[in-house]
N, C-alpha and C. Protein backbone atom coordinates (compact mmCIF):
# COMPACT_ATOMS: atom_id res chain seq x y z
N MET A 1 0.68 -1.24 0.03
CA MET A 1 -0.01 -0.14 -0.20
C MET A 1 0.72 1.48 -0.03
N THR A 2 1.89 1.28 0.60
CA THR A 2 2.65 2.41 1.16
C THR A 2 3.36 2.86 -0.54
N ASN A 3 3.92 1.73 -1.29
CA ASN A 3 4.35 1.95 -2.77
C ASN A 3 3.44 2.30 -3.57
N LYS A 4 2.15 2.32 -3.64
CA LYS A 4 1.22 3.16 -4.09
C LYS A 4 1.17 4.66 -3.99
N PHE A 5 1.07 4.62 -2.46
CA PHE A 5 1.08 6.00 -2.19
C PHE A 5 2.28 6.84 -2.43
N ARG A 6 3.36 6.00 -2.67
CA ARG A 6 5.03 6.46 -3.33
C ARG A 6 4.87 6.90 -4.36
N ARG A 7 4.23 6.22 -5.50
CA ARG A 7 4.32 6.08 -6.76
C ARG A 7 3.38 7.39 -6.83
N ALA A 8 1.90 7.37 -6.55
CA ALA A 8 1.17 8.32 -6.89
C ALA A 8 1.84 10.09 -6.51
N GLY A 9 2.44 9.95 -5.25
CA GLY A 9 2.92 11.02 -4.72
C GLY A 9 3.81 11.63 -5.81
N SER A 10 4.65 10.59 -6.08
CA SER A 10 6.04 11.03 -7.61
C SER A 10 5.37 11.65 -8.68
N ILE A 11 4.23 10.91 -9.09
CA ILE A 11 3.60 11.29 -10.11
C ILE A 11 2.96 12.85 -9.85
N ILE A 12 2.43 12.83 -9.04
CA ILE A 12 2.05 14.48 -8.74
C ILE A 12 2.99 15.40 -8.58
N ILE A 13 4.45 15.04 -8.06
CA ILE A 13 5.31 15.95 -7.96
C ILE A 13 6.02 16.46 -9.36
N LEU A 14 6.15 14.90 -10.25
CA LEU A 14 6.53 15.18 -11.84
C LEU A 14 5.60 16.11 -12.32
N LEU A 15 4.30 15.94 -12.60
CA LEU A 15 3.31 16.78 -13.06
C LEU A 15 3.38 18.12 -12.73
N LEU A 16 3.62 18.61 -11.37
CA LEU A 16 3.67 19.90 -10.69
C LEU A 16 4.99 20.38 -11.23
N VAL A 17 6.18 19.99 -11.39
CA VAL A 17 7.17 20.39 -11.50
C VAL A 17 7.17 20.50 -13.12
N VAL A 18 6.81 19.79 -13.86
CA VAL A 18 6.56 20.30 -15.43
C VAL A 18 5.75 21.19 -15.97
N SER A 19 4.62 21.24 -15.05
CA SER A 19 3.54 22.53 -15.10
C SER A 19 4.32 23.65 -15.00
N LEU A 20 5.02 23.63 -14.09
CA LEU A 20 5.59 24.97 -13.66
C LEU A 20 6.78 25.49 -14.45
N THR A 21 7.32 24.52 -14.85
CA THR A 21 8.66 24.61 -15.82
C THR A 21 8.02 24.98 -17.16
N THR A 22 6.95 24.61 -17.54
CA THR A 22 6.43 24.69 -19.19
C THR A 22 5.60 25.87 -19.33
N GLY A 23 5.34 26.52 -17.75
CA GLY A 23 4.36 27.69 -17.80
C GLY A 23 2.67 26.87 -18.24
N CYS A 24 2.21 25.84 -17.97
CA CYS A 24 1.19 25.19 -18.16
C CYS A 24 0.32 25.93 -17.22
N LEU A 25 0.92 26.07 -15.89
CA LEU A 25 -0.30 26.90 -15.14
C LEU A 25 -0.09 28.37 -15.19
N GLY A 26 -0.70 28.99 -15.69
CA GLY A 26 -1.21 30.14 -15.91
C GLY A 26 -0.95 31.06 -14.73
N ILE A 27 -1.51 30.45 -13.57
CA ILE A 27 -1.45 31.22 -12.68
C ILE A 27 -0.15 31.73 -11.72
N PHE A 28 0.76 30.95 -12.38
CA PHE A 28 2.50 31.37 -11.77
C PHE A 28 2.81 32.20 -12.81
N LYS A 29 2.07 32.80 -13.65
CA LYS A 29 2.93 33.49 -14.78
C LYS A 29 2.92 34.85 -14.47
N LYS A 30 4.09 35.43 -14.95
CA LYS A 30 4.10 36.93 -14.14
C LYS A 30 3.68 37.68 -15.46
N LYS A 31 2.69 38.74 -15.20
CA LYS A 31 1.87 39.69 -15.56
C LYS A 31 2.89 40.89 -16.56
N GLU A 32 2.93 40.80 -17.69
CA GLU A 32 3.60 41.71 -18.53
C GLU A 32 2.78 43.11 -18.86
N PHE A 33 3.30 44.33 -18.58
CA PHE A 33 3.21 45.70 -18.55
C PHE A 33 3.65 46.68 -20.09
N PHE A 34 2.88 47.04 -20.69
CA PHE A 34 3.51 48.08 -21.86
C PHE A 34 2.79 49.06 -21.96
N SER A 35 3.63 50.08 -22.59
CA SER A 35 2.85 51.40 -22.72
C SER A 35 2.72 51.58 -24.15
N LEU A 36 1.92 52.59 -24.14
CA LEU A 36 1.59 53.13 -25.77
C LEU A 36 1.65 54.95 -25.65
N GLU A 37 2.34 55.29 -26.93
CA GLU A 37 2.62 56.48 -26.76
C GLU A 37 2.10 56.84 -28.25
N VAL A 38 1.53 57.81 -28.21
CA VAL A 38 0.78 58.26 -29.40
C VAL A 38 0.63 59.80 -29.45
N THR A 39 0.99 60.19 -30.89
CA THR A 39 1.31 61.57 -31.39
C THR A 39 0.49 62.13 -32.47
N TRP A 40 0.02 63.29 -32.68
CA TRP A 40 -0.59 63.91 -33.69
C TRP A 40 -0.52 65.62 -33.25
N ASN A 41 -0.40 66.15 -34.54
CA ASN A 41 -0.64 67.48 -34.66
C ASN A 41 -1.51 68.00 -33.96
N LYS A 42 -1.82 68.90 -32.84
CA LYS A 42 -2.67 69.30 -32.09
C LYS A 42 -3.15 70.35 -32.59
N GLU A 43 -2.69 71.33 -33.49
CA GLU A 43 -3.26 72.33 -34.01
C GLU A 43 -4.60 71.92 -35.17
N PHE A 44 -4.31 70.34 -35.71
CA PHE A 44 -5.25 70.05 -36.60
C PHE A 44 -6.54 68.98 -36.29
N GLY A 45 -5.89 68.32 -34.72
CA GLY A 45 -7.35 67.57 -34.09
C GLY A 45 -6.96 67.07 -32.80
N ASN A 46 -7.58 66.01 -32.34
CA ASN A 46 -7.22 65.95 -30.96
C ASN A 46 -7.45 64.13 -30.84
N VAL A 47 -6.70 63.50 -30.07
CA VAL A 47 -6.71 61.89 -29.87
C VAL A 47 -7.40 61.40 -28.44
N VAL A 48 -8.58 60.69 -28.75
CA VAL A 48 -8.89 60.10 -27.17
C VAL A 48 -8.73 59.04 -26.85
N LEU A 49 -7.93 58.83 -25.67
CA LEU A 49 -7.35 57.92 -25.50
C LEU A 49 -7.82 57.22 -23.89
N PRO A 50 -7.30 56.11 -24.00
CA PRO A 50 -8.23 55.09 -22.28
C PRO A 50 -7.02 56.02 -21.39
N ASP A 51 -7.74 55.82 -20.25
CA ASP A 51 -6.60 56.30 -19.39
C ASP A 51 -5.71 55.33 -18.72
N ASN A 52 -4.50 55.75 -18.42
CA ASN A 52 -3.32 54.93 -17.72
C ASN A 52 -2.82 54.19 -18.53
N ILE A 53 -2.27 54.89 -20.12
CA ILE A 53 -1.88 54.05 -20.92
C ILE A 53 -0.12 53.75 -21.00
N ASP A 54 0.34 54.11 -19.83
CA ASP A 54 1.34 54.11 -19.48
C ASP A 54 1.53 52.30 -18.88
N LYS A 55 0.89 52.07 -18.28
CA LYS A 55 0.69 50.62 -17.77
C LYS A 55 -0.30 49.82 -18.56
N ILE A 56 -0.18 49.08 -19.39
CA ILE A 56 -1.29 48.31 -20.09
C ILE A 56 -0.91 46.99 -19.86
N GLU A 57 -1.71 46.26 -19.49
CA GLU A 57 -1.31 44.75 -19.22
C GLU A 57 -1.39 44.25 -20.75
N SER A 58 -0.15 43.31 -21.25
CA SER A 58 -0.18 42.41 -22.29
C SER A 58 -1.56 41.41 -22.66
N GLY A 59 -1.66 42.21 -23.99
CA GLY A 59 -3.06 41.66 -24.56
C GLY A 59 -4.25 42.39 -24.47
N THR A 60 -3.91 43.63 -23.83
CA THR A 60 -5.47 44.33 -23.88
C THR A 60 -5.58 45.15 -25.14
N VAL A 61 -7.03 45.05 -25.45
CA VAL A 61 -7.34 45.65 -26.65
C VAL A 61 -7.65 47.14 -26.12
N LEU A 62 -7.10 48.00 -27.04
CA LEU A 62 -7.44 49.53 -26.38
C LEU A 62 -8.03 50.12 -27.77
N GLU A 63 -8.90 51.05 -27.31
CA GLU A 63 -9.63 52.00 -28.60
C GLU A 63 -9.11 53.32 -28.37
N ILE A 64 -8.63 53.77 -29.59
CA ILE A 64 -8.06 55.20 -29.85
C ILE A 64 -9.31 56.00 -30.75
N LYS A 65 -9.51 57.24 -30.74
CA LYS A 65 -10.38 57.79 -31.85
C LYS A 65 -9.49 58.98 -31.82
N ALA A 66 -9.78 59.21 -33.43
CA ALA A 66 -8.76 60.51 -34.04
C ALA A 66 -10.18 61.50 -34.36
N GLU A 67 -10.26 62.76 -33.37
CA GLU A 67 -11.00 63.76 -33.84
C GLU A 67 -10.55 64.89 -34.22
N PRO A 68 -10.64 64.88 -35.88
CA PRO A 68 -10.27 66.37 -36.52
C PRO A 68 -10.88 67.62 -36.17
N LYS A 69 -10.29 68.74 -35.90
CA LYS A 69 -10.82 70.11 -35.73
C LYS A 69 -11.74 70.28 -37.26
N GLU A 70 -11.96 71.61 -37.06
CA GLU A 70 -12.96 72.32 -38.20
C GLU A 70 -11.87 72.39 -39.32
N GLY A 71 -12.10 72.16 -40.51
CA GLY A 71 -11.44 72.50 -41.47
C GLY A 71 -10.20 71.42 -41.75
N TYR A 72 -10.26 70.41 -41.29
CA TYR A 72 -9.03 69.44 -41.00
C TYR A 72 -10.06 67.88 -41.30
N ALA A 73 -9.56 66.78 -41.36
CA ALA A 73 -9.99 65.54 -41.36
C ALA A 73 -9.13 64.59 -40.93
N PHE A 74 -8.96 63.40 -40.78
CA PHE A 74 -8.40 62.37 -40.31
C PHE A 74 -8.03 61.71 -41.41
N LYS A 75 -6.85 61.33 -41.59
CA LYS A 75 -6.09 60.86 -42.94
C LYS A 75 -5.82 59.36 -42.52
N GLU A 76 -4.81 58.77 -41.50
CA GLU A 76 -4.63 57.48 -41.18
C GLU A 76 -3.83 57.36 -40.06
N TRP A 77 -3.53 56.33 -39.51
CA TRP A 77 -2.62 55.77 -38.21
C TRP A 77 -1.66 55.22 -38.98
N LYS A 78 -0.58 55.75 -38.51
CA LYS A 78 1.04 54.98 -38.65
C LYS A 78 1.86 54.48 -37.26
N GLY A 79 2.24 53.64 -37.39
CA GLY A 79 3.23 53.04 -36.26
C GLY A 79 2.92 51.87 -36.45
N ASP A 80 3.50 51.42 -35.12
CA ASP A 80 3.37 49.90 -34.39
C ASP A 80 1.89 49.42 -34.56
N GLY A 81 2.14 48.27 -34.88
CA GLY A 81 0.69 47.49 -34.82
C GLY A 81 0.05 48.04 -36.06
N ILE A 82 0.06 49.03 -36.71
CA ILE A 82 -0.94 49.45 -37.80
C ILE A 82 -0.20 49.16 -39.05
N THR A 83 -1.66 48.19 -39.56
CA THR A 83 -1.34 47.78 -41.33
C THR A 83 -2.09 48.35 -42.41
N ASP A 84 -2.09 47.89 -43.52
CA ASP A 84 -2.90 48.36 -44.38
C ASP A 84 -4.55 47.80 -44.30
N LYS A 85 -4.77 46.94 -43.31
CA LYS A 85 -6.18 46.70 -43.02
C LYS A 85 -6.95 47.47 -42.01
N ASN A 86 -5.84 48.42 -41.09
CA ASN A 86 -6.65 49.05 -39.83
C ASN A 86 -6.20 50.60 -39.71
N LYS A 87 -5.52 50.89 -40.66
CA LYS A 87 -4.97 52.00 -41.02
C LYS A 87 -5.57 53.40 -40.83
N LEU A 88 -6.86 53.23 -41.73
CA LEU A 88 -8.09 54.17 -41.78
C LEU A 88 -9.29 53.83 -41.11
N ASN A 89 -8.87 52.83 -39.81
CA ASN A 89 -10.25 52.79 -39.00
C ASN A 89 -9.73 54.21 -37.80
N ASN A 90 -11.67 54.38 -37.72
CA ASN A 90 -11.17 55.55 -36.72
C ASN A 90 -12.78 55.47 -35.86
N PRO A 91 -12.81 54.84 -34.66
CA PRO A 91 -12.03 54.79 -34.16
C PRO A 91 -11.07 53.09 -34.31
N LEU A 92 -9.95 53.43 -33.87
CA LEU A 92 -9.05 52.43 -34.03
C LEU A 92 -9.13 51.35 -32.74
N GLU A 93 -9.02 50.15 -32.70
CA GLU A 93 -8.53 49.09 -32.11
C GLU A 93 -7.39 48.32 -32.26
N ILE A 94 -6.60 48.25 -31.15
CA ILE A 94 -5.31 47.97 -31.26
C ILE A 94 -4.89 47.04 -30.02
N LYS A 95 -4.10 46.30 -30.42
CA LYS A 95 -3.94 45.06 -29.34
C LYS A 95 -2.40 45.45 -28.91
N VAL A 96 -2.25 45.17 -27.38
CA VAL A 96 -0.98 45.99 -26.95
C VAL A 96 -0.23 44.82 -26.40
N ASN A 97 1.11 44.26 -27.08
CA ASN A 97 1.69 43.26 -26.31
C ASN A 97 3.06 43.49 -26.64
N LYS A 98 3.53 44.93 -26.87
CA LYS A 98 4.89 45.39 -26.61
C LYS A 98 4.62 46.88 -26.20
N ASN A 99 5.73 47.88 -25.95
CA ASN A 99 5.51 49.23 -25.70
C ASN A 99 5.47 49.52 -27.56
N MET A 100 4.51 50.43 -27.81
CA MET A 100 4.09 51.03 -28.88
C MET A 100 4.08 52.24 -28.78
N LYS A 101 4.26 52.58 -30.40
CA LYS A 101 4.13 54.24 -30.59
C LYS A 101 3.36 54.10 -31.90
N ILE A 102 2.11 55.27 -32.05
CA ILE A 102 1.59 55.28 -33.15
C ILE A 102 1.45 56.74 -33.32
N GLU A 103 0.83 57.30 -34.37
CA GLU A 103 0.63 58.68 -34.64
C GLU A 103 -0.55 58.62 -35.33
N ALA A 104 -1.55 59.70 -35.07
CA ALA A 104 -2.51 60.03 -35.90
C ALA A 104 -2.06 61.16 -36.85
N ILE A 105 -2.50 60.98 -38.14
CA ILE A 105 -2.25 61.72 -39.18
C ILE A 105 -3.69 62.87 -39.80
N PHE A 106 -3.40 63.88 -39.41
CA PHE A 106 -4.50 64.73 -39.85
C PHE A 106 -3.95 65.60 -41.00
N VAL A 107 -5.14 66.07 -42.02
CA VAL A 107 -4.95 66.78 -43.25
C VAL A 107 -5.88 67.72 -43.37
N SER A 108 -5.45 68.81 -43.99
CA SER A 108 -6.97 69.83 -44.44
C SER A 108 -7.53 69.18 -44.92
N GLU A 109 -9.01 70.07 -44.90
CA GLU A 109 -9.69 69.29 -45.83
C GLU A 109 -9.70 69.22 -47.41
N ASP A 110 -9.02 70.28 -47.91
CA ASP A 110 -8.79 70.59 -48.94
C ASP A 110 -7.57 69.72 -49.58
N GLU A 111 -6.96 68.52 -48.87
CA GLU A 111 -6.14 67.51 -49.26
C GLU A 111 -6.65 66.08 -49.63
N ILE A 112 -7.99 66.12 -49.31
CA ILE A 112 -9.17 64.98 -49.41
C ILE A 112 -9.62 64.71 -50.78
């Protein structure tokens, strides 16, 4: 009977060690935080940002909205995480998995 308990205990310990070393137990995984830096020409418009963009948990999806001033229009986004598929989206939804920098491009309505 003692050998059965020893064997079961050994298997449990082995499984626990494998889980901890391979990251299978997400509860022990350290959370990562990143920042998002957004720039734009403030004479041409404004960008509405979520709070606390200096400490964003990895995997968080943020919504950012460009608001042009009168006489100007939002053209596109440029920077980290921006692709041909999302560069014209306004508002922009972006997933943060690293420190990122993006820029909102505004143009005169005459340039559209």
